[in-house]
PDB file of N, CA and C in Angstrom:
ATOM      1  N   MET A   1       1.566  -7.550  -9.502  1.00  0.00           N
ATOM      2  CA  MET A   1       1.059  -8.892  -9.414  1.00  0.00           C
ATOM      3  C   MET A   1       0.841  -9.214  -7.931  1.00  0.00           C
ATOM      4  N   ILE A   2      -0.202  -9.951  -7.655  1.00  0.00           N
ATOM      5  CA  ILE A   2      -0.473 -10.436  -6.305  1.00  0.00           C
ATOM      6  C   ILE A   2      -0.547 -11.954  -6.382  1.00  0.00           C
ATOM      7  N   LYS A   3       0.291 -12.607  -5.580  1.00  0.00           N
ATOM      8  CA  LYS A   3       0.306 -14.064  -5.515  1.00  0.00           C
ATOM      9  C   LYS A   3      -0.152 -14.496  -4.132  1.00  0.00           C
ATOM     10  N   THR A   4      -0.841 -15.614  -4.055  1.00  0.00           N
ATOM     11  CA  THR A   4      -1.202 -16.194  -2.767  1.00  0.00           C
ATOM     12  C   THR A   4      -0.407 -17.474  -2.597  1.00  0.00           C
ATOM     13  N   GLU A   5       0.384 -17.515  -1.531  1.00  0.00           N
ATOM     14  CA  GLU A   5       1.207 -18.681  -1.225  1.00  0.00           C
ATOM     15  C   GLU A   5       0.952 -19.084   0.221  1.00  0.00           C
ATOM     16  N   ASN A   6       0.554 -20.315   0.426  1.00  0.00           N
ATOM     17  CA  ASN A   6       0.255 -20.825   1.773  1.00  0.00           C
ATOM     18  C   ASN A   6      -0.756 -19.946   2.500  1.00  0.00           C
ATOM     19  N   GLY A   7      -1.737 -19.446   1.746  1.00  0.00           N
ATOM     20  CA  GLY A   7      -2.794 -18.629   2.322  1.00  0.00           C
ATOM     21  C   GLY A   7      -2.409 -17.191   2.600  1.00  0.00           C
ATOM     22  N   LYS A   8      -1.204 -16.779   2.224  1.00  0.00           N
ATOM     23  CA  LYS A   8      -0.746 -15.419   2.464  1.00  0.00           C
ATOM     24  C   LYS A   8      -0.496 -14.713   1.136  1.00  0.00           C
ATOM     25  N   ARG A   9      -0.930 -13.451   1.058  1.00  0.00           N
ATOM     26  CA  ARG A   9      -0.725 -12.670  -0.162  1.00  0.00           C
ATOM     27  C   ARG A   9       0.681 -12.096  -0.202  1.00  0.00           C
ATOM     28  N   ARG A  10       1.275 -12.126  -1.413  1.00  0.00           N
ATOM     29  CA  ARG A  10       2.550 -11.471  -1.660  1.00  0.00           C
ATOM     30  C   ARG A  10       2.338 -10.539  -2.840  1.00  0.00           C
ATOM     31  N   TYR A  11       2.849  -9.330  -2.709  1.00  0.00           N
ATOM     32  CA  TYR A  11       2.643  -8.281  -3.699  1.00  0.00           C
ATOM     33  C   TYR A  11       3.955  -7.978  -4.406  1.00  0.00           C
ATOM     34  N   PHE A  12       3.881  -7.732  -5.739  1.00  0.00           N
ATOM     35  CA  PHE A  12       5.065  -7.431  -6.532  1.00  0.00           C
ATOM     36  C   PHE A  12       4.765  -6.245  -7.442  1.00  0.00           C
ATOM     37  N   ASP A  13       5.750  -5.345  -7.590  1.00  0.00           N
ATOM     38  CA  ASP A  13       5.551  -4.172  -8.434  1.00  0.00           C
ATOM     39  C   ASP A  13       5.700  -4.539  -9.911  1.00  0.00           C
ATOM     40  N   ARG A  14       5.628  -3.543 -10.775  1.00  0.00           N
ATOM     41  CA  ARG A  14       5.663  -3.784 -12.224  1.00  0.00           C
ATOM     42  C   ARG A  14       6.991  -4.366 -12.699  1.00  0.00           C
ATOM     43  N   ASN A  15       8.035  -4.248 -11.863  1.00  0.00           N
ATOM     44  CA  ASN A  15       9.345  -4.792 -12.211  1.00  0.00           C
ATOM     45  C   ASN A  15       9.626  -6.133 -11.548  1.00  0.00           C
ATOM     46  N   GLY A  16       8.645  -6.663 -10.808  1.00  0.00           N
ATOM     47  CA  GLY A  16       8.820  -7.942 -10.140  1.00  0.00           C
ATOM     48  C   GLY A  16       9.432  -7.849  -8.753  1.00  0.00           C
ATOM     49  N   LYS A  17       9.661  -6.622  -8.253  1.00  0.00           N
ATOM     50  CA  LYS A  17      10.224  -6.427  -6.921  1.00  0.00           C
ATOM     51  C   LYS A  17       9.104  -6.542  -5.885  1.00  0.00           C
ATOM     52  N   GLU A  18       9.372  -7.242  -4.791  1.00  0.00           N
ATOM     53  CA  GLU A  18       8.321  -7.456  -3.790  1.00  0.00           C
ATOM     54  C   GLU A  18       7.987  -6.159  -3.053  1.00  0.00           C
ATOM     55  N   ILE A  19       6.683  -5.936  -2.883  1.00  0.00           N
ATOM     56  CA  ILE A  19       6.163  -4.800  -2.121  1.00  0.00           C
ATOM     57  C   ILE A  19       5.906  -5.304  -0.703  1.00  0.00           C
ATOM     58  N   THR A  20       6.469  -4.615   0.285  1.00  0.00           N
ATOM     59  CA  THR A  20       6.320  -5.032   1.675  1.00  0.00           C
ATOM     60  C   THR A  20       5.858  -3.857   2.532  1.00  0.00           C
ATOM     61  N   GLU A  21       5.341  -4.173   3.706  1.00  0.00           N
ATOM     62  CA  GLU A  21       4.903  -3.138   4.640  1.00  0.00           C
ATOM     63  C   GLU A  21       6.065  -2.198   4.944  1.00  0.00           C
ATOM     64  N   GLY A  22       5.780  -0.899   4.896  1.00  0.00           N
ATOM     65  CA  GLY A  22       6.780   0.116   5.218  1.00  0.00           C
ATOM     66  C   GLY A  22       7.569   0.633   4.038  1.00  0.00           C
ATOM     67  N   CYS A  23       7.504  -0.045   2.891  1.00  0.00           N
ATOM     68  CA  CYS A  23       8.268   0.433   1.745  1.00  0.00           C
ATOM     69  C   CYS A  23       7.540   1.614   1.095  1.00  0.00           C
ATOM     70  N   LYS A  24       8.253   2.307   0.224  1.00  0.00           N
ATOM     71  CA  LYS A  24       7.681   3.425  -0.529  1.00  0.00           C
ATOM     72  C   LYS A  24       7.495   2.965  -1.967  1.00  0.00           C
ATOM     73  N   ILE A  25       6.329   3.314  -2.518  1.00  0.00           N
ATOM     74  CA  ILE A  25       6.039   2.994  -3.913  1.00  0.00           C
ATOM     75  C   ILE A  25       5.726   4.280  -4.666  1.00  0.00           C
ATOM     76  N   ARG A  26       6.044   4.284  -5.959  1.00  0.00           N
ATOM     77  CA  ARG A  26       5.755   5.449  -6.800  1.00  0.00           C
ATOM     78  C   ARG A  26       4.814   5.029  -7.911  1.00  0.00           C
ATOM     79  N   TYR A  27       3.735   5.807  -8.066  1.00  0.00           N
ATOM     80  CA  TYR A  27       2.776   5.597  -9.148  1.00  0.00           C
ATOM     81  C   TYR A  27       3.305   6.268 -10.418  1.00  0.00           C
ATOM     82  N   GLU A  28       2.740   5.922 -11.552  1.00  0.00           N
ATOM     83  CA  GLU A  28       3.179   6.476 -12.830  1.00  0.00           C
ATOM     84  C   GLU A  28       3.049   7.998 -12.878  1.00  0.00           C
ATOM     85  N   ASN A  29       2.096   8.569 -12.125  1.00  0.00           N
ATOM     86  CA  ASN A  29       1.917  10.028 -12.120  1.00  0.00           C
ATOM     87  C   ASN A  29       2.911  10.730 -11.198  1.00  0.00           C
ATOM     88  N   GLY A  30       3.806   9.967 -10.541  1.00  0.00           N
ATOM     89  CA  GLY A  30       4.820  10.546  -9.674  1.00  0.00           C
ATOM     90  C   GLY A  30       4.483  10.533  -8.192  1.00  0.00           C
ATOM     91  N   ARG A  31       3.231  10.237  -7.864  1.00  0.00           N
ATOM     92  CA  ARG A  31       2.813  10.202  -6.454  1.00  0.00           C
ATOM     93  C   ARG A  31       3.552   9.100  -5.712  1.00  0.00           C
ATOM     94  N   VAL A  32       4.073   9.420  -4.536  1.00  0.00           N
ATOM     95  CA  VAL A  32       4.787   8.455  -3.709  1.00  0.00           C
ATOM     96  C   VAL A  32       3.956   8.172  -2.467  1.00  0.00           C
ATOM     97  N   GLU A  33       3.823   6.899  -2.128  1.00  0.00           N
ATOM     98  CA  GLU A  33       3.031   6.470  -0.975  1.00  0.00           C
ATOM     99  C   GLU A  33       3.819   5.478  -0.137  1.00  0.00           C
ATOM    100  N   THR A  34       3.557   5.488   1.161  1.00  0.00           N
ATOM    101  CA  THR A  34       4.082   4.470   2.064  1.00  0.00           C
ATOM    102  C   THR A  34       3.085   3.322   2.092  1.00  0.00           C
ATOM    103  N   VAL A  35       3.576   2.094   2.152  1.00  0.00           N
ATOM    104  CA  VAL A  35       2.727   0.903   2.162  1.00  0.00           C
ATOM    105  C   VAL A  35       2.470   0.480   3.611  1.00  0.00           C
ATOM    106  N   TYR A  36       1.205   0.206   3.922  1.00  0.00           N
ATOM    107  CA  TYR A  36       0.783  -0.228   5.253  1.00  0.00           C
ATOM    108  C   TYR A  36       0.098  -1.593   5.147  1.00  0.00           C
ATOM    109  N   ALA A  37       0.143  -2.348   6.224  1.00  0.00           N
ATOM    110  CA  ALA A  37      -0.588  -3.618   6.302  1.00  0.00           C
ATOM    111  C   ALA A  37      -1.977  -3.329   6.855  1.00  0.00           C
ATOM    112  N   TRP A  38      -2.962  -4.111   6.428  1.00  0.00           N
ATOM    113  CA  TRP A  38      -4.328  -3.978   6.950  1.00  0.00           C
ATOM    114  C   TRP A  38      -4.882  -5.357   7.278  1.00  0.00           C
ATOM    115  N   CYS A  39      -5.898  -5.342   8.128  1.00  0.00           N
ATOM    116  CA  CYS A  39      -6.613  -6.562   8.511  1.00  0.00           C
ATOM    117  C   CYS A  39      -8.075  -6.182   8.663  1.00  0.00           C
ATOM    118  N   ASP A  40      -8.980  -6.927   8.042  1.00  0.00           N
ATOM    119  CA  ASP A  40     -10.396  -6.594   8.159  1.00  0.00           C
ATOM    120  C   ASP A  40     -11.066  -7.412   9.267  1.00  0.00           C
ATOM    121  N   THR A  41     -12.361  -7.233   9.408  1.00  0.00           N
ATOM    122  CA  THR A  41     -13.104  -7.889  10.493  1.00  0.00           C
ATOM    123  C   THR A  41     -13.169  -9.400  10.349  1.00  0.00           C
ATOM    124  N   GLU A  42     -12.869  -9.905   9.152  1.00  0.00           N
ATOM    125  CA  GLU A  42     -12.864 -11.358   8.926  1.00  0.00           C
ATOM    126  C   GLU A  42     -11.441 -11.916   8.946  1.00  0.00           C
ATOM    127  N   ASN A  43     -10.508 -11.124   9.504  1.00  0.00           N
ATOM    128  CA  ASN A  43      -9.099 -11.485   9.620  1.00  0.00           C
ATOM    129  C   ASN A  43      -8.398 -11.694   8.283  1.00  0.00           C
ATOM    130  N   GLU A  44      -8.953 -11.124   7.226  1.00  0.00           N
ATOM    131  CA  GLU A  44      -8.266 -11.124   5.943  1.00  0.00           C
ATOM    132  C   GLU A  44      -7.224 -10.010   5.998  1.00  0.00           C
ATOM    133  N   THR A  45      -6.032 -10.255   5.480  1.00  0.00           N
ATOM    134  CA  THR A  45      -4.963  -9.264   5.549  1.00  0.00           C
ATOM    135  C   THR A  45      -4.475  -8.896   4.158  1.00  0.00           C
ATOM    136  N   GLY A  46      -3.777  -7.785   4.083  1.00  0.00           N
ATOM    137  CA  GLY A  46      -3.219  -7.342   2.820  1.00  0.00           C
ATOM    138  C   GLY A  46      -2.393  -6.089   3.010  1.00  0.00           C
ATOM    139  N   LEU A  47      -2.021  -5.479   1.895  1.00  0.00           N
ATOM    140  CA  LEU A  47      -1.253  -4.244   1.900  1.00  0.00           C
ATOM    141  C   LEU A  47      -2.044  -3.152   1.211  1.00  0.00           C
ATOM    142  N   GLY A  48      -1.757  -1.903   1.570  1.00  0.00           N
ATOM    143  CA  GLY A  48      -2.433  -0.778   0.952  1.00  0.00           C
ATOM    144  C   GLY A  48      -1.744   0.525   1.277  1.00  0.00           C
ATOM    145  N   VAL A  49      -2.396   1.619   0.891  1.00  0.00           N
ATOM    146  CA  VAL A  49      -1.864   2.962   1.132  1.00  0.00           C
ATOM    147  C   VAL A  49      -2.855   3.770   1.959  1.00  0.00           C
ATOM    148  N   ASP A  50      -2.339   4.777   2.635  1.00  0.00           N
ATOM    149  CA  ASP A  50      -3.119   5.607   3.550  1.00  0.00           C
ATOM    150  C   ASP A  50      -4.269   6.324   2.836  1.00  0.00           C
ATOM    151  N   ALA A  51      -5.463   6.247   3.424  1.00  0.00           N
ATOM    152  CA  ALA A  51      -6.632   6.915   2.868  1.00  0.00           C
ATOM    153  C   ALA A  51      -6.860   8.297   3.484  1.00  0.00           C
ATOM    154  N   THR A  52      -6.062   8.669   4.472  1.00  0.00           N
ATOM    155  CA  THR A  52      -6.215   9.951   5.161  1.00  0.00           C
ATOM    156  C   THR A  52      -5.686  11.086   4.291  1.00  0.00           C
ATOM    157  N   ASN A  53      -6.395  12.207   4.292  1.00  0.00           N
ATOM    158  CA  ASN A  53      -5.976  13.379   3.530  1.00  0.00           C
ATOM    159  C   ASN A  53      -4.597  13.832   4.018  1.00  0.00           C
ATOM    160  N   PRO A  54      -3.584  13.862   3.124  1.00  0.00           N
ATOM    161  CA  PRO A  54      -2.231  14.234   3.551  1.00  0.00           C
ATOM    162  C   PRO A  54      -2.142  15.646   4.136  1.00  0.00           C
ATOM    163  N   LYS A  55      -2.981  16.547   3.661  1.00  0.00           N
ATOM    164  CA  LYS A  55      -2.978  17.920   4.201  1.00  0.00           C
ATOM    165  C   LYS A  55      -3.424  17.922   5.656  1.00  0.00           C
ATOM    166  N   TRP A  56      -4.355  17.050   6.017  1.00  0.00           N
ATOM    167  CA  TRP A  56      -4.800  16.950   7.401  1.00  0.00           C
ATOM    168  C   TRP A  56      -3.677  16.427   8.286  1.00  0.00           C
ATOM    169  N   ILE A  57      -2.902  15.480   7.774  1.00  0.00           N
ATOM    170  CA  ILE A  57      -1.774  14.947   8.542  1.00  0.00           C
ATOM    171  C   ILE A  57      -0.736  16.045   8.751  1.00  0.00           C
ATOM    172  N   GLU A  58      -0.411  16.769   7.679  1.00  0.00           N
ATOM    173  CA  GLU A  58       0.565  17.865   7.765  1.00  0.00           C
ATOM    174  C   GLU A  58       0.144  18.929   8.771  1.00  0.00           C
ATOM    175  N   SER A  59      -1.156  19.225   8.836  1.00  0.00           N
ATOM    176  CA  SER A  59      -1.646  20.282   9.727  1.00  0.00           C
ATOM    177  C   SER A  59      -1.928  19.785  11.145  1.00  0.00           C
ATOM    178  N   GLY A  60      -1.793  18.476  11.381  1.00  0.00           N
ATOM    179  CA  GLY A  60      -2.029  17.934  12.712  1.00  0.00           C
ATOM    180  C   GLY A  60      -3.478  17.579  13.002  1.00  0.00           C
ATOM    181  N   ARG A  61      -4.346  17.677  12.011  1.00  0.00           N
ATOM    182  CA  ARG A  61      -5.764  17.357  12.208  1.00  0.00           C
ATOM    183  C   ARG A  61      -6.033  15.865  12.205  1.00  0.00           C
ATOM    184  N   ALA A  62      -5.075  15.076  11.725  1.00  0.00           N
ATOM    185  CA  ALA A  62      -5.237  13.622  11.660  1.00  0.00           C
ATOM    186  C   ALA A  62      -3.863  12.977  11.705  1.00  0.00           C
ATOM    187  N   VAL A  63      -3.861  11.680  11.946  1.00  0.00           N
ATOM    188  CA  VAL A  63      -2.617  10.903  11.922  1.00  0.00           C
ATOM    189  C   VAL A  63      -2.700   9.911  10.767  1.00  0.00           C
ATOM    190  N   PRO A  64      -1.542   9.410  10.315  1.00  0.00           N
ATOM    191  CA  PRO A  64      -1.578   8.449   9.206  1.00  0.00           C
ATOM    192  C   PRO A  64      -2.516   7.274   9.486  1.00  0.00           C
ATOM    193  N   CYS A  65      -3.273   6.917   8.477  1.00  0.00           N
ATOM    194  CA  CYS A  65      -4.221   5.785   8.476  1.00  0.00           C
ATOM    195  C   CYS A  65      -5.429   5.992   9.388  1.00  0.00           C
ATOM    196  N   GLU A  66      -5.602   7.172   9.929  1.00  0.00           N
ATOM    197  CA  GLU A  66      -6.759   7.436  10.792  1.00  0.00           C
ATOM    198  C   GLU A  66      -8.072   7.202  10.053  1.00  0.00           C
ATOM    199  N   TYR A  67      -8.094   7.486   8.770  1.00  0.00           N
ATOM    200  CA  TYR A  67      -9.318   7.321   7.986  1.00  0.00           C
ATOM    201  C   TYR A  67      -9.270   6.082   7.100  1.00  0.00           C
ATOM    202  N   GLY A  68      -8.392   5.150   7.448  1.00  0.00           N
ATOM    203  CA  GLY A  68      -8.367   3.876   6.757  1.00  0.00           C
ATOM    204  C   GLY A  68      -7.203   3.701   5.806  1.00  0.00           C
ATOM    205  N   ILE A  69      -7.240   2.562   5.138  1.00  0.00           N
ATOM    206  CA  ILE A  69      -6.205   2.189   4.176  1.00  0.00           C
ATOM    207  C   ILE A  69      -6.889   1.709   2.900  1.00  0.00           C
ATOM    208  N   TYR A  70      -6.454   2.266   1.781  1.00  0.00           N
ATOM    209  CA  TYR A  70      -6.938   1.784   0.489  1.00  0.00           C
ATOM    210  C   TYR A  70      -6.142   0.530   0.128  1.00  0.00           C
ATOM    211  N   PRO A  71      -6.796  -0.597  -0.067  1.00  0.00           N
ATOM    212  CA  PRO A  71      -6.059  -1.818  -0.424  1.00  0.00           C
ATOM    213  C   PRO A  71      -5.377  -1.683  -1.782  1.00  0.00           C
ATOM    214  N   LEU A  72      -4.242  -2.333  -1.931  1.00  0.00           N
ATOM    215  CA  LEU A  72      -3.598  -2.427  -3.233  1.00  0.00           C
ATOM    216  C   LEU A  72      -4.284  -3.535  -4.025  1.00  0.00           C
ATOM    217  N   TYR A  73      -4.660  -3.214  -5.245  1.00  0.00           N
ATOM    218  CA  TYR A  73      -5.277  -4.184  -6.133  1.00  0.00           C
ATOM    219  C   TYR A  73      -4.294  -4.555  -7.235  1.00  0.00           C
ATOM    220  N   HIS A  74      -4.638  -5.571  -8.003  1.00  0.00           N
ATOM    221  CA  HIS A  74      -3.779  -6.033  -9.091  1.00  0.00           C
ATOM    222  C   HIS A  74      -3.394  -4.881 -10.022  1.00  0.00           C
ATOM    223  N   ALA A  75      -4.347  -4.039 -10.382  1.00  0.00           N
ATOM    224  CA  ALA A  75      -4.069  -2.914 -11.285  1.00  0.00           C
ATOM    225  C   ALA A  75      -3.038  -1.963 -10.680  1.00  0.00           C
ATOM    226  N   ASP A  76      -3.094  -1.759  -9.369  1.00  0.00           N
ATOM    227  CA  ASP A  76      -2.109  -0.904  -8.708  1.00  0.00           C
ATOM    228  C   ASP A  76      -0.710  -1.501  -8.836  1.00  0.00           C
ATOM    229  N   THR A  77      -0.602  -2.802  -8.591  1.00  0.00           N
ATOM    230  CA  THR A  77       0.718  -3.437  -8.621  1.00  0.00           C
ATOM    231  C   THR A  77       1.315  -3.410 -10.024  1.00  0.00           C
ATOM    232  N   GLU A  78       0.481  -3.393 -11.054  1.00  0.00           N
ATOM    233  CA  GLU A  78       0.970  -3.321 -12.428  1.00  0.00           C
ATOM    234  C   GLU A  78       1.497  -1.927 -12.757  1.00  0.00           C
ATOM    235  N   GLU A  79       1.073  -0.915 -11.995  1.00  0.00           N
ATOM    236  CA  GLU A  79       1.467   0.473 -12.243  1.00  0.00           C
ATOM    237  C   GLU A  79       2.654   0.922 -11.400  1.00  0.00           C
ATOM    238  N   VAL A  80       2.704   0.528 -10.148  1.00  0.00           N
ATOM    239  CA  VAL A  80       3.677   1.092  -9.216  1.00  0.00           C
ATOM    240  C   VAL A  80       5.050   0.429  -9.299  1.00  0.00           C
ATOM    241  N   GLU A  81       6.041   1.150  -8.756  1.00  0.00           N
ATOM    242  CA  GLU A  81       7.362   0.562  -8.582  1.00  0.00           C
ATOM    243  C   GLU A  81       7.855   0.890  -7.183  1.00  0.00           C
ATOM    244  N   VAL A  82       8.556  -0.067  -6.590  1.00  0.00           N
ATOM    245  CA  VAL A  82       9.146   0.126  -5.265  1.00  0.00           C
ATOM    246  C   VAL A  82      10.342   1.042  -5.426  1.00  0.00           C
ATOM    247  N   ILE A  83      10.396   2.111  -4.617  1.00  0.00           N
ATOM    248  CA  ILE A  83      11.538   3.025  -4.704  1.00  0.00           C
ATOM    249  C   ILE A  83      12.369   3.005  -3.421  1.00  0.00           C
ATOM    250  N   GLU A  84      11.803   2.426  -2.346  1.00  0.00           N
ATOM    251  CA  GLU A  84      12.539   2.348  -1.081  1.00  0.00           C
ATOM    252  C   GLU A  84      11.983   1.198  -0.267  1.00  0.00           C
ATOM    253  N   GLN A  85      12.832   0.313   0.203  1.00  0.00           N
ATOM    254  CA  GLN A  85      12.407  -0.820   1.031  1.00  0.00           C
ATOM    255  C   GLN A  85      12.346  -0.425   2.475  1.00  0.00           C
TER     256      GLN A  85
END
């Protein structure tokens, strides 16, 4: 679920636990991702996961978030659960 309070988005996982920058979330398929904050050119902000190929990060060809951040959408929040704050 994504709620907007006082103009700021708050994200919650399928169990109602708040998703925050830096926490780890697990998708139903077992994939674990770190959550990052993003800001676009219109100063809109939100949370998302790294869009960079993890193999490139492991091999040193890229750094986390070098190729952007995939925003978390409502459907994502209904699927994921926070596993580490």
